[in-house]
Amino acid sequence: MSQAVLRGVLKSGIFRSEEILVSEPNRELREALGKELQVRCITENSEVFRECQLIFLGVKPFVFPALAKDLRSSLSPSQSVISVMSGVTFQQLEDLLHTRSIVRSMPNTNCLVNQGITFYMCLEHNPELQAISAQIFGSLGVTVPVSSEDMINRGCALYGGGPAYVALFAESLVDASVRIGFSRAQSDQLVKQLLYGCALMYRQSPATSFTDFRAQVTSPQGTTAEALHQFEVSGIRAAA
């Protein structure tokens, strides 16, 4: 996810490569990022905390407490922190970093193709930090500023996990395609094309509801109507 953000801000021109400092412990990845994106890559987190006014935290949540303990003394009042660490709350961020200039965010994996959804919130009222956060995450797709930390958690549950939910449904379509005689490889490509085509159609008709789209391809007493009935019987809406 951190790499997606890095590529997004560079592609959109929000920051120039010479304005970015990346701390990455993996040597191969560090060298690859430096070569590909022309950003300065280092191994010491402390250097990022010393040099950067805006600090982007994308470490694994279990790593964060030790990192914060080592580095919080380096934070100054003029610095701000943006977190994409799943499950790390504002209270934990404030307690461990000793600052309130914090943004908590939750992008989903579709950000990897710049078609993501990011929920974000500033801990304190800070128009400048709010604006730069909107720019950063806007380079990755749709942004959803929220006024409650609970809404970040709720958004994460539905839209963060959404790609997995869609993938599970896609798997079931592939299996059904195989059952009726198509090869698995062909079924995989057909289902991907189906989802891609549907997504384009939905996006190009923003005023049309999903109910209307469904009705357009559902004839009374037809095959589609029967299949949809079986979905309802199986409790697909209740499961969501």
Protein backbone atom coordinates (compact mmCIF):
# COMPACT_ATOMS: atom_id res chain seq x y z
CA MET A 1 0.00 0.00 0.00
CA SER A 2 2.84 2.40 0.80
CA GLN A 3 4.26 1.82 -2.67
CA ALA A 4 0.86 2.59 -4.22
CA VAL A 5 0.74 5.89 -2.34
CA LEU A 6 4.32 6.70 -3.35
CA ARG A 7 3.61 6.07 -7.01
CA GLY A 8 0.33 7.97 -6.83
CA VAL A 9 1.80 11.17 -5.41
CA LEU A 10 4.68 11.11 -7.89
CA LYS A 11 2.43 10.47 -10.89
CA SER A 12 0.02 13.22 -9.87
CA GLY A 13 2.82 15.69 -9.18
CA ILE A 14 1.78 16.36 -5.58
CA PHE A 15 5.42 15.87 -4.58
CA ARG A 16 8.59 15.75 -6.62
CA SER A 17 10.94 12.80 -6.27
CA GLU A 18 13.59 14.96 -4.60
CA GLU A 19 11.08 15.93 -1.89
CA ILE A 20 10.52 12.32 -0.81
CA LEU A 21 12.57 10.24 1.61
CA VAL A 22 11.79 6.52 1.93
CA SER A 23 12.86 4.26 4.78
CA GLU A 24 12.92 0.62 3.66
CA PRO A 25 14.79 -2.20 5.47
CA ASN A 26 14.72 -4.58 2.51
CA ARG A 27 17.84 -3.94 0.43
CA GLU A 28 16.50 -5.26 -2.88
CA LEU A 29 13.27 -3.30 -2.59
CA ARG A 30 15.12 -0.20 -1.45
CA GLU A 31 17.42 -0.30 -4.46
CA ALA A 32 14.57 -1.07 -6.86
CA LEU A 33 12.44 1.84 -5.62
CA GLY A 34 15.34 4.22 -5.75
CA LYS A 35 16.18 3.25 -9.31
CA GLU A 36 12.62 3.15 -10.62
CA LEU A 37 11.17 6.22 -8.92
CA GLN A 38 14.32 8.28 -8.41
CA VAL A 39 13.59 8.82 -4.71
CA ARG A 40 16.15 8.72 -1.92
CA CYS A 41 15.87 5.46 -0.01
CA ILE A 42 17.50 4.86 3.35
CA THR A 43 17.46 2.31 6.17
CA GLU A 44 17.04 4.59 9.20
CA ASN A 45 13.53 5.65 10.25
CA SER A 46 15.05 8.31 12.50
CA GLU A 47 16.34 10.19 9.47
CA VAL A 48 12.81 10.43 8.05
CA PHE A 49 11.54 11.80 11.36
CA ARG A 50 14.33 14.38 11.43
CA GLU A 51 14.03 15.60 7.84
CA CYS A 52 10.38 15.32 6.79
CA GLN A 53 7.50 17.61 7.71
CA LEU A 54 4.88 15.09 6.62
CA ILE A 55 5.52 11.52 7.76
CA PHE A 56 3.67 8.63 6.18
CA LEU A 57 3.47 5.53 8.40
CA GLY A 58 2.90 2.31 6.49
CA VAL A 59 4.60 -0.23 8.77
CA LYS A 60 2.96 -3.41 10.03
CA PRO A 61 0.82 -2.60 13.10
CA PHE A 62 2.78 -4.95 15.37
CA VAL A 63 5.98 -3.06 14.52
CA PHE A 64 4.54 0.35 15.36
CA PRO A 65 4.86 0.43 19.19
CA ALA A 66 8.61 -0.21 19.16
CA LEU A 67 9.13 2.20 16.27
CA ALA A 68 7.15 4.95 18.01
CA LYS A 69 9.03 4.48 21.28
CA ASP A 70 12.34 4.97 19.49
CA LEU A 71 11.30 7.91 17.33
CA ARG A 72 8.66 10.00 19.10
CA SER A 73 11.27 12.26 20.68
CA SER A 74 12.29 13.29 17.16
CA LEU A 75 8.82 14.63 16.30
CA SER A 76 8.38 18.40 16.42
CA PRO A 77 5.09 20.34 16.71
CA SER A 78 5.39 21.38 13.05
CA GLN A 79 5.39 17.80 11.79
CA SER A 80 2.32 15.76 10.86
CA VAL A 81 1.75 12.03 10.58
CA ILE A 82 -0.47 10.11 8.16
CA SER A 83 -1.16 6.51 9.15
CA VAL A 84 -2.40 3.69 6.93
CA MET A 85 -1.87 1.08 9.64
CA SER A 86 -4.94 -1.10 9.93
CA GLY A 87 -6.45 -1.25 13.40
CA VAL A 88 -4.14 1.33 14.99
CA THR A 89 -6.48 3.85 16.60
CA PHE A 90 -6.12 7.58 17.14
CA GLN A 91 -5.68 6.94 20.85
CA GLN A 92 -2.79 4.56 20.21
CA LEU A 93 -1.20 6.93 17.72
CA GLU A 94 -1.47 9.89 20.08
CA ASP A 95 -0.28 7.95 23.13
CA LEU A 96 2.74 6.49 21.36
CA LEU A 97 3.76 9.45 19.20
CA HIS A 98 2.92 12.25 21.65
CA THR A 99 1.32 14.40 18.94
CA ARG A 100 -2.19 15.25 17.79
CA SER A 101 -1.29 16.31 14.25
CA ILE A 102 -2.39 12.95 12.89
CA VAL A 103 -4.43 11.61 10.00
CA ARG A 104 -5.77 8.09 10.20
CA SER A 105 -6.64 6.54 6.84
CA MET A 106 -7.75 3.24 5.38
CA PRO A 107 -7.21 2.75 1.64
CA ASN A 108 -8.34 -0.48 -0.01
CA THR A 109 -6.20 -2.59 -2.31
CA ASN A 110 -7.78 -1.15 -5.46
CA CYS A 111 -5.47 1.81 -4.83
CA LEU A 112 -2.81 -0.35 -6.48
CA VAL A 113 -4.47 0.47 -9.82
CA ASN A 114 -5.48 4.03 -8.83
CA GLN A 115 -9.13 2.99 -8.48
CA GLY A 116 -9.29 2.70 -4.72
CA ILE A 117 -11.46 4.00 -1.92
CA THR A 118 -9.81 5.72 1.03
CA PHE A 119 -11.55 6.71 4.25
CA TYR A 120 -9.62 9.27 6.26
CA MET A 121 -9.94 11.65 9.20
CA CYS A 122 -7.80 14.26 10.95
CA LEU A 123 -7.59 13.93 14.71
CA GLU A 124 -7.72 17.72 15.10
CA HIS A 125 -9.17 20.45 12.89
CA ASN A 126 -6.35 21.22 10.47
CA PRO A 127 -7.42 22.52 7.04
CA GLU A 128 -3.92 22.28 5.58
CA LEU A 129 -3.43 18.67 6.67
CA GLN A 130 -6.96 17.83 5.52
CA ALA A 131 -6.23 19.31 2.08
CA ILE A 132 -2.92 17.51 1.53
CA SER A 133 -4.48 14.23 2.68
CA ALA A 134 -7.28 14.68 0.14
CA GLN A 135 -4.69 15.30 -2.57
CA ILE A 136 -2.58 12.30 -1.65
CA PHE A 137 -5.43 9.82 -1.46
CA GLY A 138 -7.24 11.44 -4.36
CA SER A 139 -4.32 10.37 -6.54
CA LEU A 140 -5.31 6.76 -5.74
CA GLY A 141 -9.04 6.92 -6.45
CA VAL A 142 -12.05 8.11 -4.45
CA THR A 143 -11.60 9.81 -1.08
CA VAL A 144 -14.15 9.72 1.73
CA PRO A 145 -13.45 12.16 4.58
CA VAL A 146 -15.30 11.11 7.73
CA SER A 147 -16.00 12.84 11.04
CA SER A 148 -15.98 9.72 13.22
CA GLU A 149 -13.21 7.18 13.73
CA ASP A 150 -15.88 4.50 13.90
CA MET A 151 -16.78 5.25 10.28
CA ILE A 152 -13.20 4.44 9.25
CA ASN A 153 -13.59 1.04 10.93
CA ARG A 154 -16.97 0.47 9.29
CA GLY A 155 -15.70 1.55 5.89
CA CYS A 156 -12.73 -0.76 6.28
CA ALA A 157 -15.00 -3.70 7.11
CA LEU A 158 -17.08 -3.28 3.96
CA TYR A 159 -14.90 -1.56 1.38
CA GLY A 160 -11.49 -2.64 2.68
CA GLY A 161 -12.66 -6.24 2.53
CA GLY A 162 -14.77 -5.55 -0.56
CA PRO A 163 -12.20 -6.81 -3.08
CA ALA A 164 -12.14 -10.15 -1.24
CA TYR A 165 -15.96 -10.32 -1.21
CA VAL A 166 -16.09 -9.63 -4.94
CA ALA A 167 -13.33 -12.21 -5.53
CA LEU A 168 -15.31 -14.86 -3.62
CA PHE A 169 -18.39 -14.20 -5.76
CA ALA A 170 -16.18 -14.28 -8.87
CA GLU A 171 -14.82 -17.66 -7.77
CA SER A 172 -18.36 -19.00 -7.54
CA LEU A 173 -19.07 -17.77 -11.09
CA VAL A 174 -15.91 -19.46 -12.36
CA ASP A 175 -16.96 -22.72 -10.69
CA ALA A 176 -20.44 -22.44 -12.22
CA SER A 177 -18.88 -21.80 -15.63
CA VAL A 178 -16.76 -24.93 -15.30
CA ARG A 179 -19.83 -26.95 -14.29
CA ILE A 180 -21.61 -26.04 -17.52
CA GLY A 181 -18.68 -27.04 -19.73
CA PHE A 182 -16.14 -24.21 -20.08
CA SER A 183 -12.52 -24.80 -19.15
CA ARG A 184 -11.29 -23.24 -15.91
CA ALA A 185 -8.81 -21.01 -17.73
CA GLN A 186 -11.49 -19.79 -20.12
CA SER A 187 -13.95 -19.35 -17.26
CA ASP A 188 -11.45 -17.25 -15.34
CA GLN A 189 -11.00 -14.88 -18.29
CA LEU A 190 -14.73 -14.71 -19.00
CA VAL A 191 -15.60 -13.81 -15.42
CA LYS A 192 -12.89 -11.12 -15.32
CA GLN A 193 -14.31 -9.65 -18.53
CA LEU A 194 -17.82 -9.82 -17.06
CA LEU A 195 -16.78 -7.90 -13.94
CA TYR A 196 -14.75 -5.38 -15.92
CA GLY A 197 -17.61 -4.73 -18.34
CA CYS A 198 -20.12 -4.37 -15.51
CA ALA A 199 -17.87 -1.94 -13.65
CA LEU A 200 -17.49 0.25 -16.75
CA MET A 201 -21.22 0.18 -17.41
CA TYR A 202 -22.02 1.14 -13.81
CA ARG A 203 -19.50 3.98 -13.77
CA GLN A 204 -20.72 5.39 -17.09
CA SER A 205 -24.34 5.49 -15.88
CA PRO A 206 -24.09 7.08 -12.40
CA ALA A 207 -27.79 7.93 -12.27
CA THR A 208 -28.86 4.32 -12.85
CA SER A 209 -29.33 2.23 -9.71
CA PHE A 210 -28.13 -1.35 -9.33
CA THR A 211 -31.79 -2.35 -9.05
CA ASP A 212 -32.43 -0.86 -12.49
CA PHE A 213 -29.36 -2.57 -13.97
CA ARG A 214 -30.59 -5.88 -12.61
CA ALA A 215 -34.08 -5.33 -14.00
CA GLN A 216 -32.70 -4.57 -17.46
CA VAL A 217 -31.35 -8.11 -17.84
CA THR A 218 -34.05 -10.00 -15.94
CA SER A 219 -36.99 -11.32 -17.96
CA PRO A 220 -40.08 -12.61 -16.12
CA GLN A 221 -39.87 -16.38 -15.55
CA GLY A 222 -36.49 -16.45 -17.32
CA THR A 223 -33.19 -18.11 -16.48
CA THR A 224 -31.78 -14.97 -14.84
CA ALA A 225 -34.89 -14.53 -12.70
CA GLU A 226 -34.58 -18.12 -11.46
CA ALA A 227 -30.87 -17.70 -10.70
CA LEU A 228 -31.55 -14.50 -8.76
CA HIS A 229 -34.26 -16.30 -6.81
CA GLN A 230 -31.74 -18.96 -5.81
CA PHE A 231 -29.35 -16.22 -4.63
CA GLU A 232 -32.12 -14.78 -2.46
CA VAL A 233 -33.02 -18.21 -1.09
CA SER A 234 -29.38 -18.80 -0.16
CA GLY A 235 -29.40 -15.57 1.88
CA ILE A 236 -26.93 -13.52 -0.11
CA ARG A 237 -28.38 -10.20 1.10
CA ALA A 238 -28.44 -11.26 4.73
CA ALA A 239 -24.82 -12.40 4.50
CA ALA A 240 -23.80 -8.89 3.43
